[in-house]
Protein backbone atom coordinates (compact mmCIF):
# COMPACT_ATOMS: atom_id res chain seq x y z
CA UNK A 1 0.00 0.00 0.00
CA UNK A 2 1.37 3.41 -0.89
CA UNK A 3 1.29 6.48 1.28
CA UNK A 4 -0.72 9.59 0.38
CA UNK A 5 2.53 11.42 -0.41
CA UNK A 6 3.59 8.72 -2.86
CA UNK A 7 0.19 8.80 -4.57
CA UNK A 8 0.32 12.60 -4.83
CA UNK A 9 3.84 12.49 -6.25
CA UNK A 10 2.84 9.88 -8.83
CA UNK A 11 -0.21 11.97 -9.81
CA UNK A 12 1.93 15.11 -10.25
CA UNK A 13 4.40 13.18 -12.39
CA UNK A 14 1.63 11.87 -14.64
CA UNK A 15 0.05 15.32 -15.00
CA UNK A 16 3.39 16.96 -15.77
CA UNK A 17 4.10 14.30 -18.39
CA UNK A 18 7.75 14.01 -17.50
CA UNK A 19 10.05 11.88 -15.49
CA UNK A 20 9.93 11.99 -11.68
CA UNK A 21 11.89 14.81 -10.09
CA UNK A 22 15.48 14.17 -9.13
CA UNK A 23 16.43 15.22 -5.60
CA UNK A 24 19.10 17.88 -5.20
CA UNK A 25 22.52 16.55 -4.20
CA UNK A 26 23.85 16.94 -0.69
CA UNK A 27 25.42 20.30 -0.02
CA UNK A 28 22.30 22.29 -0.92
CA UNK A 29 19.55 23.82 1.17
CA UNK A 30 16.99 21.49 -0.44
CA UNK A 31 19.02 18.46 0.64
CA UNK A 32 19.30 19.87 4.17
CA UNK A 33 15.52 20.14 4.34
CA UNK A 34 15.17 16.64 2.93
CA UNK A 35 17.32 15.38 5.81
CA UNK A 36 15.05 17.21 8.25
CA UNK A 37 11.86 15.78 6.71
CA UNK A 38 13.33 12.29 7.00
CA UNK A 39 14.18 13.03 10.66
CA UNK A 40 17.82 12.20 10.12
CA UNK A 41 20.97 14.08 11.02
CA UNK A 42 22.14 16.28 8.12
CA UNK A 43 25.55 15.57 6.63
CA UNK A 44 28.38 18.11 6.95
CA UNK A 45 27.89 19.44 3.40
CA UNK A 46 24.20 20.11 4.07
CA UNK A 47 24.98 21.72 7.42
CA UNK A 48 27.41 24.07 5.67
CA UNK A 49 24.82 24.96 3.02
CA UNK A 50 22.23 25.71 5.73
CA UNK A 51 24.70 27.82 7.71
CA UNK A 52 25.56 29.85 4.60
CA UNK A 53 21.86 30.39 3.90
CA UNK A 54 21.28 31.58 7.46
CA UNK A 55 24.25 33.97 7.23
CA UNK A 56 22.85 35.41 4.01
CA UNK A 57 19.42 35.92 5.58
CA UNK A 58 20.97 37.62 8.60
CA UNK A 59 23.07 39.92 6.42
CA UNK A 60 20.04 40.83 4.32
CA UNK A 61 17.97 41.56 7.43
CA UNK A 62 20.72 43.75 8.87
CA UNK A 63 21.23 45.59 5.57
CA UNK A 64 24.81 44.45 5.01
PDB file of N, CA and C in Angstrom:
ATOM      1  N   UNK A   1       0.850  -1.187   0.000  1.00  0.00           N
ATOM      2  CA  UNK A   1       0.000   0.000   0.000  1.00  0.00           C
ATOM      3  C   UNK A   1       0.886   1.237   0.000  1.00  0.00           C
ATOM      4  N   UNK A   2       0.548   2.197  -0.804  1.00  0.00           N
ATOM      5  CA  UNK A   2       1.366   3.410  -0.887  1.00  0.00           C
ATOM      6  C   UNK A   2       0.812   4.490   0.036  1.00  0.00           C
ATOM      7  N   UNK A   3       1.689   5.391   0.400  1.00  0.00           N
ATOM      8  CA  UNK A   3       1.292   6.485   1.285  1.00  0.00           C
ATOM      9  C   UNK A   3       0.622   7.583   0.463  1.00  0.00           C
ATOM     10  N   UNK A   4      -0.106   8.470   1.109  1.00  0.00           N
ATOM     11  CA  UNK A   4      -0.720   9.585   0.383  1.00  0.00           C
ATOM     12  C   UNK A   4       0.317  10.444  -0.350  1.00  0.00           C
ATOM     13  N   UNK A   5       1.494  10.619   0.251  1.00  0.00           N
ATOM     14  CA  UNK A   5       2.528  11.425  -0.406  1.00  0.00           C
ATOM     15  C   UNK A   5       3.004  10.763  -1.690  1.00  0.00           C
ATOM     16  N   UNK A   6       3.159   9.437  -1.656  1.00  0.00           N
ATOM     17  CA  UNK A   6       3.588   8.720  -2.861  1.00  0.00           C
ATOM     18  C   UNK A   6       2.537   8.806  -3.957  1.00  0.00           C
ATOM     19  N   UNK A   7       1.265   8.696  -3.577  1.00  0.00           N
ATOM     20  CA  UNK A   7       0.193   8.800  -4.570  1.00  0.00           C
ATOM     21  C   UNK A   7       0.146  10.199  -5.167  1.00  0.00           C
ATOM     22  N   UNK A   8       0.322  11.225  -4.335  1.00  0.00           N
ATOM     23  CA  UNK A   8       0.322  12.602  -4.829  1.00  0.00           C
ATOM     24  C   UNK A   8       1.481  12.836  -5.776  1.00  0.00           C
ATOM     25  N   UNK A   9       2.647  12.322  -5.417  1.00  0.00           N
ATOM     26  CA  UNK A   9       3.838  12.485  -6.250  1.00  0.00           C
ATOM     27  C   UNK A   9       3.631  11.804  -7.600  1.00  0.00           C
ATOM     28  N   UNK A  10       3.076  10.605  -7.581  1.00  0.00           N
ATOM     29  CA  UNK A  10       2.836   9.879  -8.828  1.00  0.00           C
ATOM     30  C   UNK A  10       1.823  10.637  -9.692  1.00  0.00           C
ATOM     31  N   UNK A  11       0.793  11.194  -9.075  1.00  0.00           N
ATOM     32  CA  UNK A  11      -0.211  11.965  -9.805  1.00  0.00           C
ATOM     33  C   UNK A  11       0.426  13.194 -10.451  1.00  0.00           C
ATOM     34  N   UNK A  12       1.258  13.924  -9.694  1.00  0.00           N
ATOM     35  CA  UNK A  12       1.929  15.106 -10.252  1.00  0.00           C
ATOM     36  C   UNK A  12       2.815  14.731 -11.431  1.00  0.00           C
ATOM     37  N   UNK A  13       3.526  13.628 -11.306  1.00  0.00           N
ATOM     38  CA  UNK A  13       4.404  13.185 -12.389  1.00  0.00           C
ATOM     39  C   UNK A  13       3.604  12.864 -13.642  1.00  0.00           C
ATOM     40  N   UNK A  14       2.469  12.188 -13.477  1.00  0.00           N
ATOM     41  CA  UNK A  14       1.631  11.869 -14.641  1.00  0.00           C
ATOM     42  C   UNK A  14       1.080  13.131 -15.273  1.00  0.00           C
ATOM     43  N   UNK A  15       0.623  14.083 -14.470  1.00  0.00           N
ATOM     44  CA  UNK A  15       0.049  15.321 -15.002  1.00  0.00           C
ATOM     45  C   UNK A  15       1.106  16.153 -15.713  1.00  0.00           C
ATOM     46  N   UNK A  16       2.315  16.171 -15.180  1.00  0.00           N
ATOM     47  CA  UNK A  16       3.389  16.960 -15.768  1.00  0.00           C
ATOM     48  C   UNK A  16       3.860  16.325 -17.069  1.00  0.00           C
ATOM     49  N   UNK A  17       3.722  14.996 -17.175  1.00  0.00           N
ATOM     50  CA  UNK A  17       4.102  14.302 -18.386  1.00  0.00           C
ATOM     51  C   UNK A  17       5.589  14.036 -18.504  1.00  0.00           C
ATOM     52  N   UNK A  18       6.316  14.233 -17.441  1.00  0.00           N
ATOM     53  CA  UNK A  18       7.745  14.008 -17.500  1.00  0.00           C
ATOM     54  C   UNK A  18       8.188  12.960 -16.501  1.00  0.00           C
ATOM     55  N   UNK A  19       9.467  12.829 -16.435  1.00  0.00           N
ATOM     56  CA  UNK A  19      10.051  11.880 -15.489  1.00  0.00           C
ATOM     57  C   UNK A  19       9.905  12.411 -14.066  1.00  0.00           C
ATOM     58  N   UNK A  20       9.977  11.528 -13.081  1.00  0.00           N
ATOM     59  CA  UNK A  20       9.931  11.994 -11.685  1.00  0.00           C
ATOM     60  C   UNK A  20      11.080  12.963 -11.397  1.00  0.00           C
ATOM     61  N   UNK A  21      10.862  13.837 -10.464  1.00  0.00           N
ATOM     62  CA  UNK A  21      11.886  14.810 -10.088  1.00  0.00           C
ATOM     63  C   UNK A  21      13.089  14.112  -9.486  1.00  0.00           C
ATOM     64  N   UNK A  22      14.249  14.694  -9.716  1.00  0.00           N
ATOM     65  CA  UNK A  22      15.477  14.172  -9.128  1.00  0.00           C
ATOM     66  C   UNK A  22      15.813  15.029  -7.916  1.00  0.00           C
ATOM     67  N   UNK A  23      16.102  14.417  -6.779  1.00  0.00           N
ATOM     68  CA  UNK A  23      16.432  15.218  -5.597  1.00  0.00           C
ATOM     69  C   UNK A  23      17.764  15.944  -5.776  1.00  0.00           C
ATOM     70  N   UNK A  24      17.868  17.108  -5.159  1.00  0.00           N
ATOM     71  CA  UNK A  24      19.103  17.877  -5.205  1.00  0.00           C
ATOM     72  C   UNK A  24      20.190  17.121  -4.451  1.00  0.00           C
ATOM     73  N   UNK A  25      21.433  17.260  -4.889  1.00  0.00           N
ATOM     74  CA  UNK A  25      22.518  16.553  -4.202  1.00  0.00           C
ATOM     75  C   UNK A  25      22.803  17.169  -2.841  1.00  0.00           C
ATOM     76  N   UNK A  26      23.471  16.417  -1.993  1.00  0.00           N
ATOM     77  CA  UNK A  26      23.855  16.937  -0.690  1.00  0.00           C
ATOM     78  C   UNK A  26      24.761  18.148  -0.868  1.00  0.00           C
ATOM     79  N   UNK A  27      24.658  19.063   0.069  1.00  0.00           N
ATOM     80  CA  UNK A  27      25.418  20.301  -0.019  1.00  0.00           C
ATOM     81  C   UNK A  27      24.548  21.448  -0.483  1.00  0.00           C
ATOM     82  N   UNK A  28      23.241  21.233  -0.527  1.00  0.00           N
ATOM     83  CA  UNK A  28      22.302  22.288  -0.917  1.00  0.00           C
ATOM     84  C   UNK A  28      21.266  22.447   0.193  1.00  0.00           C
ATOM     85  N   UNK A  29      20.586  23.571   0.171  1.00  0.00           N
ATOM     86  CA  UNK A  29      19.546  23.823   1.168  1.00  0.00           C
ATOM     87  C   UNK A  29      18.407  22.814   1.020  1.00  0.00           C
ATOM     88  N   UNK A  30      18.062  22.464  -0.209  1.00  0.00           N
ATOM     89  CA  UNK A  30      16.992  21.486  -0.443  1.00  0.00           C
ATOM     90  C   UNK A  30      17.349  20.137   0.179  1.00  0.00           C
ATOM     91  N   UNK A  31      18.594  19.737   0.056  1.00  0.00           N
ATOM     92  CA  UNK A  31      19.022  18.463   0.638  1.00  0.00           C
ATOM     93  C   UNK A  31      18.992  18.541   2.164  1.00  0.00           C
ATOM     94  N   UNK A  32      19.365  19.691   2.720  1.00  0.00           N
ATOM     95  CA  UNK A  32      19.302  19.867   4.175  1.00  0.00           C
ATOM     96  C   UNK A  32      17.867  19.670   4.654  1.00  0.00           C
ATOM     97  N   UNK A  33      16.929  20.270   3.954  1.00  0.00           N
ATOM     98  CA  UNK A  33      15.519  20.144   4.341  1.00  0.00           C
ATOM     99  C   UNK A  33      15.014  18.719   4.140  1.00  0.00           C
ATOM    100  N   UNK A  34      15.538  18.034   3.132  1.00  0.00           N
ATOM    101  CA  UNK A  34      15.175  16.638   2.933  1.00  0.00           C
ATOM    102  C   UNK A  34      15.640  15.788   4.116  1.00  0.00           C
ATOM    103  N   UNK A  35      16.839  16.068   4.619  1.00  0.00           N
ATOM    104  CA  UNK A  35      17.324  15.378   5.815  1.00  0.00           C
ATOM    105  C   UNK A  35      16.370  15.630   6.982  1.00  0.00           C
ATOM    106  N   UNK A  36      15.955  16.878   7.145  1.00  0.00           N
ATOM    107  CA  UNK A  36      15.047  17.212   8.255  1.00  0.00           C
ATOM    108  C   UNK A  36      13.714  16.490   8.120  1.00  0.00           C
ATOM    109  N   UNK A  37      13.142  16.465   6.919  1.00  0.00           N
ATOM    110  CA  UNK A  37      11.863  15.781   6.714  1.00  0.00           C
ATOM    111  C   UNK A  37      11.975  14.296   7.033  1.00  0.00           C
ATOM    112  N   UNK A  38      13.119  13.714   6.739  1.00  0.00           N
ATOM    113  CA  UNK A  38      13.333  12.294   7.002  1.00  0.00           C
ATOM    114  C   UNK A  38      13.723  12.044   8.455  1.00  0.00           C
ATOM    115  N   UNK A  39      13.807  13.098   9.241  1.00  0.00           N
ATOM    116  CA  UNK A  39      14.178  13.032  10.657  1.00  0.00           C
ATOM    117  C   UNK A  39      15.516  12.334  10.842  1.00  0.00           C
ATOM    118  N   UNK A  40      16.479  12.728   9.998  1.00  0.00           N
ATOM    119  CA  UNK A  40      17.824  12.197  10.124  1.00  0.00           C
ATOM    120  C   UNK A  40      18.807  13.348  10.293  1.00  0.00           C
ATOM    121  N   UNK A  41      19.960  13.045  10.817  1.00  0.00           N
ATOM    122  CA  UNK A  41      20.974  14.078  11.023  1.00  0.00           C
ATOM    123  C   UNK A  41      21.531  14.513   9.666  1.00  0.00           C
ATOM    124  N   UNK A  42      21.592  15.830   9.402  1.00  0.00           N
ATOM    125  CA  UNK A  42      22.136  16.282   8.119  1.00  0.00           C
ATOM    126  C   UNK A  42      23.633  16.037   8.043  1.00  0.00           C
ATOM    127  N   UNK A  43      24.111  15.794   6.824  1.00  0.00           N
ATOM    128  CA  UNK A  43      25.549  15.574   6.628  1.00  0.00           C
ATOM    129  C   UNK A  43      26.275  16.928   6.739  1.00  0.00           C
ATOM    130  N   UNK A  44      27.594  16.880   6.784  1.00  0.00           N
ATOM    131  CA  UNK A  44      28.382  18.108   6.947  1.00  0.00           C
ATOM    132  C   UNK A  44      28.165  19.079   5.793  1.00  0.00           C
ATOM    133  N   UNK A  45      28.076  18.569   4.565  1.00  0.00           N
ATOM    134  CA  UNK A  45      27.886  19.441   3.403  1.00  0.00           C
ATOM    135  C   UNK A  45      26.547  20.180   3.496  1.00  0.00           C
ATOM    136  N   UNK A  46      25.517  19.478   3.934  1.00  0.00           N
ATOM    137  CA  UNK A  46      24.198  20.107   4.067  1.00  0.00           C
ATOM    138  C   UNK A  46      24.179  21.113   5.219  1.00  0.00           C
ATOM    139  N   UNK A  47      24.874  20.772   6.314  1.00  0.00           N
ATOM    140  CA  UNK A  47      24.983  21.724   7.423  1.00  0.00           C
ATOM    141  C   UNK A  47      25.653  23.005   6.974  1.00  0.00           C
ATOM    142  N   UNK A  48      26.699  22.890   6.164  1.00  0.00           N
ATOM    143  CA  UNK A  48      27.410  24.074   5.668  1.00  0.00           C
ATOM    144  C   UNK A  48      26.513  24.903   4.758  1.00  0.00           C
ATOM    145  N   UNK A  49      25.733  24.245   3.909  1.00  0.00           N
ATOM    146  CA  UNK A  49      24.816  24.964   3.024  1.00  0.00           C
ATOM    147  C   UNK A  49      23.758  25.708   3.839  1.00  0.00           C
ATOM    148  N   UNK A  50      23.238  25.070   4.883  1.00  0.00           N
ATOM    149  CA  UNK A  50      22.233  25.709   5.730  1.00  0.00           C
ATOM    150  C   UNK A  50      22.832  26.905   6.473  1.00  0.00           C
ATOM    151  N   UNK A  51      24.054  26.732   6.990  1.00  0.00           N
ATOM    152  CA  UNK A  51      24.704  27.821   7.710  1.00  0.00           C
ATOM    153  C   UNK A  51      24.933  29.020   6.785  1.00  0.00           C
ATOM    154  N   UNK A  52      25.351  28.767   5.563  1.00  0.00           N
ATOM    155  CA  UNK A  52      25.562  29.846   4.597  1.00  0.00           C
ATOM    156  C   UNK A  52      24.250  30.564   4.294  1.00  0.00           C
ATOM    157  N   UNK A  53      23.186  29.797   4.150  1.00  0.00           N
ATOM    158  CA  UNK A  53      21.865  30.388   3.895  1.00  0.00           C
ATOM    159  C   UNK A  53      21.438  31.272   5.070  1.00  0.00           C
ATOM    160  N   UNK A  54      21.644  30.794   6.288  1.00  0.00           N
ATOM    161  CA  UNK A  54      21.276  31.576   7.465  1.00  0.00           C
ATOM    162  C   UNK A  54      22.114  32.852   7.562  1.00  0.00           C
ATOM    163  N   UNK A  55      23.403  32.772   7.235  1.00  0.00           N
ATOM    164  CA  UNK A  55      24.252  33.969   7.230  1.00  0.00           C
ATOM    165  C   UNK A  55      23.757  34.990   6.210  1.00  0.00           C
ATOM    166  N   UNK A  56      23.355  34.513   5.051  1.00  0.00           N
ATOM    167  CA  UNK A  56      22.849  35.411   4.007  1.00  0.00           C
ATOM    168  C   UNK A  56      21.554  36.089   4.452  1.00  0.00           C
ATOM    169  N   UNK A  57      20.672  35.326   5.083  1.00  0.00           N
ATOM    170  CA  UNK A  57      19.419  35.918   5.581  1.00  0.00           C
ATOM    171  C   UNK A  57      19.701  36.978   6.643  1.00  0.00           C
ATOM    172  N   UNK A  58      20.625  36.680   7.543  1.00  0.00           N
ATOM    173  CA  UNK A  58      20.969  37.622   8.604  1.00  0.00           C
ATOM    174  C   UNK A  58      21.551  38.899   8.007  1.00  0.00           C
ATOM    175  N   UNK A  59      22.452  38.754   7.053  1.00  0.00           N
ATOM    176  CA  UNK A  59      23.065  39.917   6.420  1.00  0.00           C
ATOM    177  C   UNK A  59      22.028  40.757   5.692  1.00  0.00           C
ATOM    178  N   UNK A  60      21.095  40.105   5.031  1.00  0.00           N
ATOM    179  CA  UNK A  60      20.040  40.828   4.316  1.00  0.00           C
ATOM    180  C   UNK A  60      19.145  41.584   5.301  1.00  0.00           C
ATOM    181  N   UNK A  61      18.829  40.924   6.418  1.00  0.00           N
ATOM    182  CA  UNK A  61      17.968  41.558   7.426  1.00  0.00           C
ATOM    183  C   UNK A  61      18.654  42.754   8.057  1.00  0.00           C
ATOM    184  N   UNK A  62      19.975  42.675   8.237  1.00  0.00           N
ATOM    185  CA  UNK A  62      20.718  43.755   8.868  1.00  0.00           C
ATOM    186  C   UNK A  62      21.162  44.824   7.869  1.00  0.00           C
ATOM    187  N   UNK A  63      20.889  44.591   6.586  1.00  0.00           N
ATOM    188  CA  UNK A  63      21.232  45.589   5.568  1.00  0.00           C
ATOM    189  C   UNK A  63      22.704  45.625   5.231  1.00  0.00           C
ATOM    190  N   UNK A  64      23.369  44.511   5.299  1.00  0.00           N
ATOM    191  CA  UNK A  64      24.807  44.446   5.005  1.00  0.00           C
ATOM    192  C   UNK A  64      25.061  43.985   3.614  1.00  0.00           C
TER     193      UNK A  64
END
